[in-house]
C-alpha atoms as a PDB file:
ATOM      1  CA  MET A   1       0.004   0.277   0.077  1.00  0.00           C
ATOM      2  CA  ARG A   2       1.375   3.380  -0.936  1.00  0.00           C
ATOM      3  CA  LYS A   3       1.296   6.794   1.368  1.00  0.00           C
ATOM      4  CA  LYS A   4      -0.500   8.648  -0.847  1.00  0.00           C
ATOM      5  CA  VAL A   5      -3.322   7.185  -2.324  1.00  0.00           C
ATOM      6  CA  ILE A   6      -5.805   9.374  -5.183  1.00  0.00           C
ATOM      7  CA  VAL A   7      -9.341   9.346  -4.384  1.00  0.00           C
ATOM      8  CA  THR A   8     -11.817   9.698  -6.961  1.00  0.00           C
ATOM      9  CA  CYS A   9     -15.807  10.391  -6.652  1.00  0.00           C
ATOM     10  CA  ALA A  10     -18.211   9.594  -9.539  1.00  0.00           C
ATOM     11  CA  LEU A  11     -20.632  12.033  -8.892  1.00  0.00           C
ATOM     12  CA  THR A  12     -23.954  10.566 -10.936  1.00  0.00           C
ATOM     13  CA  GLY A  13     -23.645   8.312 -13.594  1.00  0.00           C
ATOM     14  CA  ALA A  14     -26.396   7.847 -15.844  1.00  0.00           C
ATOM     15  CA  GLY A  15     -28.245   4.662 -13.924  1.00  0.00           C
ATOM     16  CA  ASP A  16     -31.901   4.916 -13.007  1.00  0.00           C
ATOM     17  CA  THR A  17     -30.571   5.698  -9.498  1.00  0.00           C
ATOM     18  CA  VAL A  18     -32.566   9.290  -8.875  1.00  0.00           C
ATOM     19  CA  LYS A  19     -36.186   8.144  -7.773  1.00  0.00           C
ATOM     20  CA  LYS A  20     -33.767   5.907  -5.271  1.00  0.00           C
ATOM     21  CA  SER A  21     -32.132   8.480  -3.553  1.00  0.00           C
ATOM     22  CA  THR A  22     -32.483  11.981  -3.244  1.00  0.00           C
ATOM     23  CA  TYR A  23     -28.870  12.592  -3.019  1.00  0.00           C
ATOM     24  CA  VAL A  24     -28.320  11.973  -6.487  1.00  0.00           C
ATOM     25  CA  PRO A  25     -27.540  15.200  -8.341  1.00  0.00           C
ATOM     26  CA  VAL A  26     -29.091  15.843 -11.430  1.00  0.00           C
ATOM     27  CA  THR A  27     -28.797  19.568 -12.629  1.00  0.00           C
ATOM     28  CA  PRO A  28     -25.472  21.091 -13.415  1.00  0.00           C
ATOM     29  CA  LYS A  29     -25.794  22.934 -10.519  1.00  0.00           C
ATOM     30  CA  GLU A  30     -26.122  19.988  -8.346  1.00  0.00           C
ATOM     31  CA  ILE A  31     -23.589  18.260  -9.768  1.00  0.00           C
ATOM     32  CA  ALA A  32     -21.175  20.404  -9.939  1.00  0.00           C
ATOM     33  CA  GLU A  33     -21.784  21.339  -5.856  1.00  0.00           C
ATOM     34  CA  SER A  34     -21.284  17.588  -5.448  1.00  0.00           C
ATOM     35  CA  ALA A  35     -18.286  17.685  -7.251  1.00  0.00           C
ATOM     36  CA  ILE A  36     -17.347  20.444  -4.843  1.00  0.00           C
ATOM     37  CA  GLU A  37     -18.666  18.748  -1.388  1.00  0.00           C
ATOM     38  CA  ALA A  38     -16.649  15.854  -2.852  1.00  0.00           C
ATOM     39  CA  ALA A  39     -13.448  17.355  -2.940  1.00  0.00           C
ATOM     40  CA  LYS A  40     -13.983  19.308   0.603  1.00  0.00           C
ATOM     41  CA  ALA A  41     -13.871  15.870   1.948  1.00  0.00           C
ATOM     42  CA  GLY A  42     -11.469  14.153   0.718  1.00  0.00           C
ATOM     43  CA  ALA A  43     -11.645  13.576  -3.270  1.00  0.00           C
ATOM     44  CA  ALA A  44      -9.031  14.715  -5.617  1.00  0.00           C
ATOM     45  CA  ILE A  45     -11.114  13.523  -8.799  1.00  0.00           C
ATOM     46  CA  ALA A  46     -14.433  14.131 -10.082  1.00  0.00           C
ATOM     47  CA  HIS A  47     -15.659  11.701 -12.478  1.00  0.00           C
ATOM     48  CA  ILE A  48     -18.411  13.657 -14.033  1.00  0.00           C
ATOM     49  CA  HIS A  49     -21.989  12.464 -16.298  1.00  0.00           C
ATOM     50  CA  VAL A  50     -24.609  14.698 -16.735  1.00  0.00           C
ATOM     51  CA  ARG A  51     -28.350  13.947 -16.770  1.00  0.00           C
ATOM     52  CA  ASP A  52     -31.850  15.361 -18.688  1.00  0.00           C
ATOM     53  CA  PRO A  53     -32.194  17.951 -16.046  1.00  0.00           C
ATOM     54  CA  GLU A  54     -36.477  18.092 -16.396  1.00  0.00           C
ATOM     55  CA  THR A  55     -36.201  13.462 -16.531  1.00  0.00           C
ATOM     56  CA  GLY A  56     -33.144  12.549 -14.774  1.00  0.00           C
ATOM     57  CA  GLY A  57     -32.565  10.653 -17.226  1.00  0.00           C
ATOM     58  CA  ILE A  58     -29.312   9.979 -20.214  1.00  0.00           C
ATOM     59  CA  SER A  59     -27.422  13.148 -21.699  1.00  0.00           C
ATOM     60  CA  HIS A  60     -25.090  13.946 -23.373  1.00  0.00           C
ATOM     61  CA  ASP A  61     -25.671  17.477 -24.502  1.00  0.00           C
ATOM     62  CA  PRO A  62     -22.517  19.383 -24.369  1.00  0.00           C
ATOM     63  CA  ALA A  63     -24.119  22.537 -22.790  1.00  0.00           C
ATOM     64  CA  LEU A  64     -24.744  20.257 -19.659  1.00  0.00           C
ATOM     65  CA  PHE A  65     -21.344  19.665 -19.302  1.00  0.00           C
ATOM     66  CA  ARG A  66     -20.013  23.380 -19.837  1.00  0.00           C
ATOM     67  CA  GLU A  67     -22.100  24.539 -17.193  1.00  0.00           C
ATOM     68  CA  VAL A  68     -21.151  21.976 -14.629  1.00  0.00           C
ATOM     69  CA  VAL A  69     -17.676  22.493 -15.245  1.00  0.00           C
ATOM     70  CA  GLU A  70     -17.613  26.265 -15.421  1.00  0.00           C
ATOM     71  CA  ARG A  71     -19.455  25.815 -11.868  1.00  0.00           C
ATOM     72  CA  VAL A  72     -16.541  23.830 -10.445  1.00  0.00           C
ATOM     73  CA  ARG A  73     -13.884  25.550 -11.983  1.00  0.00           C
ATOM     74  CA  GLU A  74     -15.436  29.347 -11.103  1.00  0.00           C
ATOM     75  CA  SER A  75     -15.237  28.248  -7.573  1.00  0.00           C
ATOM     76  CA  ASP A  76     -12.628  28.602  -4.766  1.00  0.00           C
ATOM     77  CA  THR A  77     -12.108  24.762  -4.527  1.00  0.00           C
ATOM     78  CA  ASP A  78      -9.684  22.764  -6.583  1.00  0.00           C
ATOM     79  CA  VAL A  79     -10.664  18.862  -8.128  1.00  0.00           C
ATOM     80  CA  ILE A  80      -9.055  17.730 -11.289  1.00  0.00           C
ATOM     81  CA  LEU A  81     -12.444  16.721 -13.225  1.00  0.00           C
ATOM     82  CA  ASN A  82     -12.846  13.990 -15.341  1.00  0.00           C
ATOM     83  CA  LEU A  83     -15.363  13.920 -17.796  1.00  0.00           C
ATOM     84  CA  THR A  84     -17.205  11.029 -18.761  1.00  0.00           C
ATOM     85  CA  ALA A  85     -16.695  10.466 -22.936  1.00  0.00           C
ATOM     86  CA  GLY A  86     -18.099   7.054 -22.971  1.00  0.00           C
ATOM     87  CA  GLY A  87     -21.790   7.628 -23.713  1.00  0.00           C
ATOM     88  CA  GLY A  88     -23.757   6.848 -26.350  1.00  0.00           C
ATOM     89  CA  GLY A  89     -22.881   3.101 -26.130  1.00  0.00           C
ATOM     90  CA  ASP A  90     -25.784   1.335 -25.468  1.00  0.00           C
ATOM     91  CA  TRP A  91     -27.571  -1.188 -27.654  1.00  0.00           C
ATOM     92  CA  VAL A  92     -30.848  -2.961 -26.803  1.00  0.00           C
ATOM     93  CA  PRO A  93     -32.043  -5.730 -29.304  1.00  0.00           C
ATOM     94  CA  ASN A  94     -35.312  -5.107 -30.758  1.00  0.00           C
ATOM     95  CA  PRO A  95     -37.494  -7.890 -29.868  1.00  0.00           C
ATOM     96  CA  ASP A  96     -39.127  -7.994 -33.238  1.00  0.00           C
ATOM     97  CA  ASP A  97     -36.306  -7.213 -35.495  1.00  0.00           C
ATOM     98  CA  PRO A  98     -32.751  -8.610 -33.817  1.00  0.00           C
ATOM     99  CA  THR A  99     -30.606  -7.009 -36.558  1.00  0.00           C
ATOM    100  CA  ALA A 100     -31.857  -3.721 -35.330  1.00  0.00           C
ATOM    101  CA  GLY A 101     -31.747  -1.519 -31.983  1.00  0.00           C
ATOM    102  CA  GLY A 102     -35.039  -1.327 -30.035  1.00  0.00           C
ATOM    103  CA  PRO A 103     -36.141   1.128 -27.436  1.00  0.00           C
ATOM    104  CA  GLY A 104     -33.604   2.469 -25.286  1.00  0.00           C
ATOM    105  CA  THR A 105     -30.460   1.936 -27.962  1.00  0.00           C
ATOM    106  CA  ASP A 106     -28.583   5.063 -27.407  1.00  0.00           C
ATOM    107  CA  ILE A 107     -25.181   5.175 -30.043  1.00  0.00           C
ATOM    108  CA  GLN A 108     -22.859   7.966 -30.475  1.00  0.00           C
ATOM    109  CA  THR A 109     -20.113   8.420 -32.686  1.00  0.00           C
ATOM    110  CA  PRO A 110     -16.602   8.609 -31.316  1.00  0.00           C
ATOM    111  CA  GLU A 111     -16.473  12.355 -32.645  1.00  0.00           C
ATOM    112  CA  GLU A 112     -20.050  13.156 -30.713  1.00  0.00           C
ATOM    113  CA  ARG A 113     -18.622  11.041 -27.610  1.00  0.00           C
ATOM    114  CA  HIS A 114     -15.261  13.426 -27.476  1.00  0.00           C
ATOM    115  CA  GLN A 115     -17.280  16.544 -28.341  1.00  0.00           C
ATOM    116  CA  PRO A 116     -17.540  17.910 -24.705  1.00  0.00           C
ATOM    117  CA  VAL A 117     -14.161  17.003 -23.594  1.00  0.00           C
ATOM    118  CA  GLY A 118     -12.777  18.365 -26.782  1.00  0.00           C
ATOM    119  CA  GLU A 119     -14.599  21.716 -26.326  1.00  0.00           C
ATOM    120  CA  LEU A 120     -13.458  22.204 -22.197  1.00  0.00           C
ATOM    121  CA  LEU A 121     -10.687  20.210 -21.935  1.00  0.00           C
ATOM    122  CA  PRO A 122     -11.106  18.431 -18.612  1.00  0.00           C
ATOM    123  CA  GLU A 123      -7.664  17.275 -17.427  1.00  0.00           C
ATOM    124  CA  ILE A 124      -9.125  13.601 -17.686  1.00  0.00           C
ATOM    125  CA  CYS A 125     -11.643  12.070 -19.804  1.00  0.00           C
ATOM    126  CA  THR A 126     -12.871   8.345 -20.048  1.00  0.00           C
ATOM    127  CA  LEU A 127     -11.936   5.853 -22.401  1.00  0.00           C
ATOM    128  CA  ASP A 128     -14.251   2.964 -22.147  1.00  0.00           C
ATOM    129  CA  CYS A 129     -11.746  -0.097 -24.190  1.00  0.00           C
ATOM    130  CA  GLY A 130     -13.926  -2.580 -25.619  1.00  0.00           C
ATOM    131  CA  THR A 131     -17.653  -3.825 -26.085  1.00  0.00           C
ATOM    132  CA  TYR A 132     -19.499  -6.223 -23.589  1.00  0.00           C
ATOM    133  CA  ASN A 133     -22.751  -7.503 -22.010  1.00  0.00           C
ATOM    134  CA  PHE A 134     -24.052  -4.788 -19.761  1.00  0.00           C
ATOM    135  CA  SER A 135     -27.061  -6.671 -18.271  1.00  0.00           C
ATOM    136  CA  ASP A 136     -29.536  -7.251 -20.985  1.00  0.00           C
ATOM    137  CA  MET A 137     -28.029  -4.924 -23.142  1.00  0.00           C
ATOM    138  CA  VAL A 138     -24.734  -4.402 -25.061  1.00  0.00           C
ATOM    139  CA  TYR A 139     -22.049  -1.420 -25.284  1.00  0.00           C
ATOM    140  CA  LEU A 140     -21.000  -0.969 -28.413  1.00  0.00           C
ATOM    141  CA  ASN A 141     -17.632   0.158 -29.149  1.00  0.00           C
ATOM    142  CA  PRO A 142     -15.686  -1.562 -31.676  1.00  0.00           C
ATOM    143  CA  ALA A 143     -12.354  -1.415 -32.165  1.00  0.00           C
ATOM    144  CA  ASN A 144     -12.241   1.086 -35.333  1.00  0.00           C
ATOM    145  CA  TRP A 145     -14.597   3.302 -32.951  1.00  0.00           C
ATOM    146  CA  LEU A 146     -12.072   2.916 -29.886  1.00  0.00           C
ATOM    147  CA  ARG A 147      -8.933   3.902 -32.636  1.00  0.00           C
ATOM    148  CA  ARG A 148     -10.634   6.773 -33.250  1.00  0.00           C
ATOM    149  CA  HIS A 149     -11.265   7.770 -30.022  1.00  0.00           C
ATOM    150  CA  ALA A 150      -8.200   7.391 -28.621  1.00  0.00           C
ATOM    151  CA  GLN A 151      -6.985   9.439 -31.415  1.00  0.00           C
ATOM    152  CA  LEU A 152      -9.131  12.513 -30.774  1.00  0.00           C
ATOM    153  CA  ILE A 153      -8.314  12.249 -27.061  1.00  0.00           C
ATOM    154  CA  GLN A 154      -4.492  11.937 -28.127  1.00  0.00           C
ATOM    155  CA  GLU A 155      -5.069  15.171 -30.055  1.00  0.00           C
ATOM    156  CA  SER A 156      -6.714  17.303 -27.485  1.00  0.00           C
ATOM    157  CA  GLY A 157      -3.947  16.640 -24.766  1.00  0.00           C
ATOM    158  CA  VAL A 158      -6.194  15.167 -22.508  1.00  0.00           C
ATOM    159  CA  LYS A 159      -5.126  12.062 -20.148  1.00  0.00           C
ATOM    160  CA  PRO A 160      -7.602   9.241 -20.527  1.00  0.00           C
ATOM    161  CA  GLU A 161      -8.842   7.079 -18.051  1.00  0.00           C
ATOM    162  CA  ILE A 162      -8.900   3.763 -19.639  1.00  0.00           C
ATOM    163  CA  GLU A 163     -12.281   1.988 -18.365  1.00  0.00           C
ATOM    164  CA  CYS A 164     -11.856  -2.192 -18.654  1.00  0.00           C
ATOM    165  CA  PHE A 165     -14.291  -4.165 -17.895  1.00  0.00           C
ATOM    166  CA  ASP A 166     -12.697  -7.698 -18.421  1.00  0.00           C
ATOM    167  CA  LEU A 167      -9.326  -8.817 -19.257  1.00  0.00           C
ATOM    168  CA  GLY A 168      -9.579  -9.086 -22.719  1.00  0.00           C
ATOM    169  CA  GLN A 169     -10.065  -4.694 -22.449  1.00  0.00           C
ATOM    170  CA  ILE A 170      -6.652  -4.449 -20.621  1.00  0.00           C
ATOM    171  CA  ARG A 171      -4.952  -6.704 -24.142  1.00  0.00           C
ATOM    172  CA  PHE A 172      -6.756  -4.162 -26.482  1.00  0.00           C
ATOM    173  CA  ALA A 173      -5.631  -1.331 -24.150  1.00  0.00           C
ATOM    174  CA  ARG A 174      -2.283  -2.180 -24.052  1.00  0.00           C
ATOM    175  CA  GLN A 175      -2.448  -2.565 -27.996  1.00  0.00           C
ATOM    176  CA  LEU A 176      -3.616   1.152 -28.156  1.00  0.00           C
ATOM    177  CA  ILE A 177      -0.381   1.547 -26.424  1.00  0.00           C
ATOM    178  CA  ASP A 178       1.860  -0.279 -28.819  1.00  0.00           C
ATOM    179  CA  GLU A 179       0.302   1.640 -31.596  1.00  0.00           C
ATOM    180  CA  GLY A 180       1.071   4.449 -29.943  1.00  0.00           C
ATOM    181  CA  LEU A 181      -2.454   5.658 -29.376  1.00  0.00           C
ATOM    182  CA  ILE A 182      -2.009   6.496 -25.775  1.00  0.00           C
ATOM    183  CA  ASP A 183       1.008   8.867 -24.451  1.00  0.00           C
ATOM    184  CA  ASP A 184       3.095   8.831 -21.274  1.00  0.00           C
ATOM    185  CA  ASP A 185       2.033   6.510 -18.272  1.00  0.00           C
ATOM    186  CA  PRO A 186      -1.291   5.299 -18.881  1.00  0.00           C
ATOM    187  CA  MET A 187      -4.083   5.287 -16.426  1.00  0.00           C
ATOM    188  CA  PHE A 188      -6.570   2.661 -15.873  1.00  0.00           C
ATOM    189  CA  GLN A 189      -9.677   2.183 -14.271  1.00  0.00           C
ATOM    190  CA  LEU A 190     -10.425  -1.570 -13.306  1.00  0.00           C
ATOM    191  CA  CYS A 191     -14.492  -1.626 -13.359  1.00  0.00           C
ATOM    192  CA  LEU A 192     -15.844  -4.373 -11.471  1.00  0.00           C
ATOM    193  CA  GLY A 193     -19.216  -6.211 -10.672  1.00  0.00           C
ATOM    194  CA  ILE A 194     -21.365  -4.706 -13.511  1.00  0.00           C
ATOM    195  CA  PRO A 195     -23.313  -7.372 -15.116  1.00  0.00           C
ATOM    196  CA  TRP A 196     -21.497  -9.086 -17.259  1.00  0.00           C
ATOM    197  CA  GLY A 197     -18.253  -7.488 -16.904  1.00  0.00           C
ATOM    198  CA  ALA A 198     -15.702  -8.783 -14.602  1.00  0.00           C
ATOM    199  CA  ASP A 199     -16.081 -10.351 -11.040  1.00  0.00           C
ATOM    200  CA  ALA A 200     -15.936  -7.629  -7.633  1.00  0.00           C
ATOM    201  CA  ASP A 201     -13.355  -9.520  -6.210  1.00  0.00           C
ATOM    202  CA  THR A 202      -9.924 -10.179  -4.839  1.00  0.00           C
ATOM    203  CA  GLU A 203      -8.917 -13.245  -7.541  1.00  0.00           C
ATOM    204  CA  THR A 204     -10.270 -10.959 -10.530  1.00  0.00           C
ATOM    205  CA  MET A 205      -8.720  -7.238  -9.290  1.00  0.00           C
ATOM    206  CA  LEU A 206      -4.909  -9.170  -8.802  1.00  0.00           C
ATOM    207  CA  ALA A 207      -5.684 -10.822 -12.404  1.00  0.00           C
ATOM    208  CA  MET A 208      -6.438  -7.577 -13.742  1.00  0.00           C
ATOM    209  CA  ARG A 209      -3.720  -5.925 -12.105  1.00  0.00           C
ATOM    210  CA  GLN A 210      -1.188  -8.106 -13.144  1.00  0.00           C
ATOM    211  CA  LYS A 211      -1.628  -7.811 -16.878  1.00  0.00           C
ATOM    212  CA  LEU A 212      -1.107  -3.785 -16.538  1.00  0.00           C
ATOM    213  CA  PRO A 213       1.619  -2.290 -17.950  1.00  0.00           C
ATOM    214  CA  GLU A 214       4.444  -1.590 -15.605  1.00  0.00           C
ATOM    215  CA  ASN A 215       4.365   1.905 -15.648  1.00  0.00           C
ATOM    216  CA  ALA A 216       0.761   1.916 -15.190  1.00  0.00           C
ATOM    217  CA  HIS A 217      -1.161   4.368 -12.665  1.00  0.00           C
ATOM    218  CA  TRP A 218      -5.033   2.333 -11.843  1.00  0.00           C
ATOM    219  CA  SER A 219      -7.636   2.472  -9.458  1.00  0.00           C
ATOM    220  CA  ALA A 220     -10.291  -0.119  -9.027  1.00  0.00           C
ATOM    221  CA  PHE A 221     -13.881   0.072  -8.083  1.00  0.00           C
ATOM    222  CA  GLY A 222     -16.780  -2.122  -6.968  1.00  0.00           C
ATOM    223  CA  ILE A 223     -20.632  -1.576  -7.086  1.00  0.00           C
ATOM    224  CA  GLY A 224     -23.408  -1.514  -4.645  1.00  0.00           C
ATOM    225  CA  ARG A 225     -22.206  -3.311  -1.324  1.00  0.00           C
ATOM    226  CA  LEU A 226     -18.924  -4.340  -2.854  1.00  0.00           C
ATOM    227  CA  GLN A 227     -18.120  -0.589  -3.398  1.00  0.00           C
ATOM    228  CA  LEU A 228     -16.217  -0.239  -0.114  1.00  0.00           C
ATOM    229  CA  PRO A 229     -14.523  -3.471  -0.067  1.00  0.00           C
ATOM    230  CA  MET A 230     -13.288  -3.168  -3.777  1.00  0.00           C
ATOM    231  CA  ALA A 231     -11.848   0.116  -2.895  1.00  0.00           C
ATOM    232  CA  VAL A 232      -9.777  -0.726   0.277  1.00  0.00           C
ATOM    233  CA  GLN A 233      -8.557  -3.838  -1.859  1.00  0.00           C
ATOM    234  CA  SER A 234      -7.431  -1.787  -4.493  1.00  0.00           C
ATOM    235  CA  ALA A 235      -5.836   0.671  -1.816  1.00  0.00           C
ATOM    236  CA  LEU A 236      -3.865  -2.680  -0.302  1.00  0.00           C
ATOM    237  CA  LEU A 237      -2.947  -3.788  -3.558  1.00  0.00           C
ATOM    238  CA  GLY A 238      -1.156  -0.212  -4.388  1.00  0.00           C
ATOM    239  CA  GLY A 239      -3.881   0.880  -6.266  1.00  0.00           C
ATOM    240  CA  ASN A 240      -6.230   3.934  -6.240  1.00  0.00           C
ATOM    241  CA  VAL A 241      -9.479   4.166  -5.407  1.00  0.00           C
ATOM    242  CA  ARG A 242     -13.659   5.287  -6.529  1.00  0.00           C
ATOM    243  CA  VAL A 243     -16.512   5.898  -4.769  1.00  0.00           C
ATOM    244  CA  GLY A 244     -19.667   8.120  -5.285  1.00  0.00           C
ATOM    245  CA  LEU A 245     -23.125   7.778  -6.113  1.00  0.00           C
ATOM    246  CA  GLU A 246     -22.851   6.393  -9.583  1.00  0.00           C
ATOM    247  CA  ASP A 247     -21.741   3.491  -8.405  1.00  0.00           C
ATOM    248  CA  ASN A 248     -23.402   3.281  -4.749  1.00  0.00           C
ATOM    249  CA  LEU A 249     -25.792   4.730  -2.890  1.00  0.00           C
ATOM    250  CA  TYR A 250     -25.542   3.601   0.556  1.00  0.00           C
ATOM    251  CA  LEU A 251     -23.335   3.967   3.398  1.00  0.00           C
ATOM    252  CA  GLU A 252     -24.261   1.136   4.848  1.00  0.00           C
ATOM    253  CA  LYS A 253     -26.864  -1.187   4.870  1.00  0.00           C
ATOM    254  CA  GLY A 254     -29.902   0.992   4.838  1.00  0.00           C
ATOM    255  CA  VAL A 255     -28.519   4.137   4.957  1.00  0.00           C
ATOM    256  CA  LEU A 256     -28.564   6.332   2.290  1.00  0.00           C
ATOM    257  CA  GLY A 257     -25.605   8.862   1.722  1.00  0.00           C
ATOM    258  CA  SER A 258     -24.364  11.944  -0.107  1.00  0.00           C
ATOM    259  CA  ASN A 259     -21.506  11.881  -2.396  1.00  0.00           C
ATOM    260  CA  GLY A 260     -19.575  13.679   0.074  1.00  0.00           C
ATOM    261  CA  GLN A 261     -20.381  11.429   3.039  1.00  0.00           C
ATOM    262  CA  LEU A 262     -19.002   8.021   1.092  1.00  0.00           C
ATOM    263  CA  VAL A 263     -15.757  10.059  -0.028  1.00  0.00           C
ATOM    264  CA  GLU A 264     -15.452  11.012   3.943  1.00  0.00           C
ATOM    265  CA  LYS A 265     -15.974   7.478   4.926  1.00  0.00           C
ATOM    266  CA  ILE A 266     -13.378   5.484   2.415  1.00  0.00           C
ATOM    267  CA  VAL A 267     -10.780   8.768   3.355  1.00  0.00           C
ATOM    268  CA  SER A 268     -11.324   7.899   7.215  1.00  0.00           C
ATOM    269  CA  ILE A 269     -10.740   4.270   6.083  1.00  0.00           C
ATOM    270  CA  ILE A 270      -7.351   5.111   4.022  1.00  0.00           C
ATOM    271  CA  GLN A 271      -6.451   7.027   7.047  1.00  0.00           C
ATOM    272  CA  GLY A 272      -6.975   4.181   9.352  1.00  0.00           C
ATOM    273  CA  LEU A 273      -4.631   2.269   7.194  1.00  0.00           C
ATOM    274  CA  GLY A 274      -1.934   4.239   7.673  1.00  0.00           C
ATOM    275  CA  ALA A 275      -2.481   6.197   4.461  1.00  0.00           C
ATOM    276  CA  GLU A 276      -3.656  10.011   3.082  1.00  0.00           C
ATOM    277  CA  PRO A 277      -5.421  10.640   0.376  1.00  0.00           C
ATOM    278  CA  MET A 278      -3.419  13.064  -2.270  1.00  0.00           C
ATOM    279  CA  THR A 279      -4.706  16.647  -2.837  1.00  0.00           C
ATOM    280  CA  PRO A 280      -5.837  17.346  -6.446  1.00  0.00           C
ATOM    281  CA  GLN A 281      -2.126  19.157  -6.841  1.00  0.00           C
ATOM    282  CA  GLU A 282      -0.389  15.603  -5.229  1.00  0.00           C
ATOM    283  CA  ALA A 283      -2.573  13.679  -8.022  1.00  0.00           C
ATOM    284  CA  ARG A 284      -2.003  16.192 -10.855  1.00  0.00           C
ATOM    285  CA  ASP A 285       1.599  16.031 -10.711  1.00  0.00           C
ATOM    286  CA  HIS A 286       1.476  12.479  -9.712  1.00  0.00           C
ATOM    287  CA  LEU A 287      -0.479  11.425 -13.030  1.00  0.00           C
ATOM    288  CA  GLY A 288       1.611  14.046 -14.998  1.00  0.00           C
ATOM    289  CA  LEU A 289      -1.587  15.900 -15.966  1.00  0.00           C
ATOM    290  CA  LYS A 290      -2.207  19.344 -18.188  1.00  0.00           C
ATOM    291  CA  LYS A 291      -4.102  21.942 -16.604  1.00  0.00           C
ATOM    292  CA  PHE A 292      -5.367  23.801 -19.366  1.00  0.00           C
ATOM    293  CA  ASN A 293      -6.072  27.486 -19.163  1.00  0.00           C
ATOM    294  CA  LYS A 294      -9.846  27.573 -19.849  1.00  0.00           C
END
């Protein structure tokens, strides 16, 4: 375990969680305030999705991303912004025509996924590194899309957080590195427990960690009740941690919590193990991030 650990807070995600907890931020103002709350609690990085302010559902609107980013940047709280660029990959088979997408299908091109990142230049954005079964739908991200998306991120100067949901995705990420589409020390996020990706357990985390490049920065998270156990396991194995309402709504069984409370809880555990959370500037230096003048 390292002496300093990066804490990421995934603020809201795109899942159907708004009706389950009043703590889930929906509007750009709420998401920005939640990022600031998480940073004050000890998070160095805020991972940001946006939602339709009227319905609470999925949105990819660049104007909503812009409002969140501007509100955080105009505040007096320092936090590294990590914008999702993995939306627009949901393919739901049409029950009447299996060759077509049915209701709920939401597909964007690499250029569309990258648009908010290219316009706003956060320090980090996600690169979901493959196609996989996601519950009863398919998340689509074929190899040629990934190559194009990696190229767009590289040209922008933003650091990709390579999200991997199984071992094959790490294999392809290494291929992107070999092809020169990812620069410097790569940054991986091991995503565990999502049906039907990699299991959220120690054996799986170890197997995935052992396949990473030697110079990789890495973090791991689990979902639901396994969020905190997987965060602690990641820290003990030398990685960084992620918590937040995108992945889990509860502080403990039956007790809903806010993003700030989830960050406070993992920071307390980390400190109890003899480590400290990195500040945003420490994380920026450690990861070699560019801070753009926007």
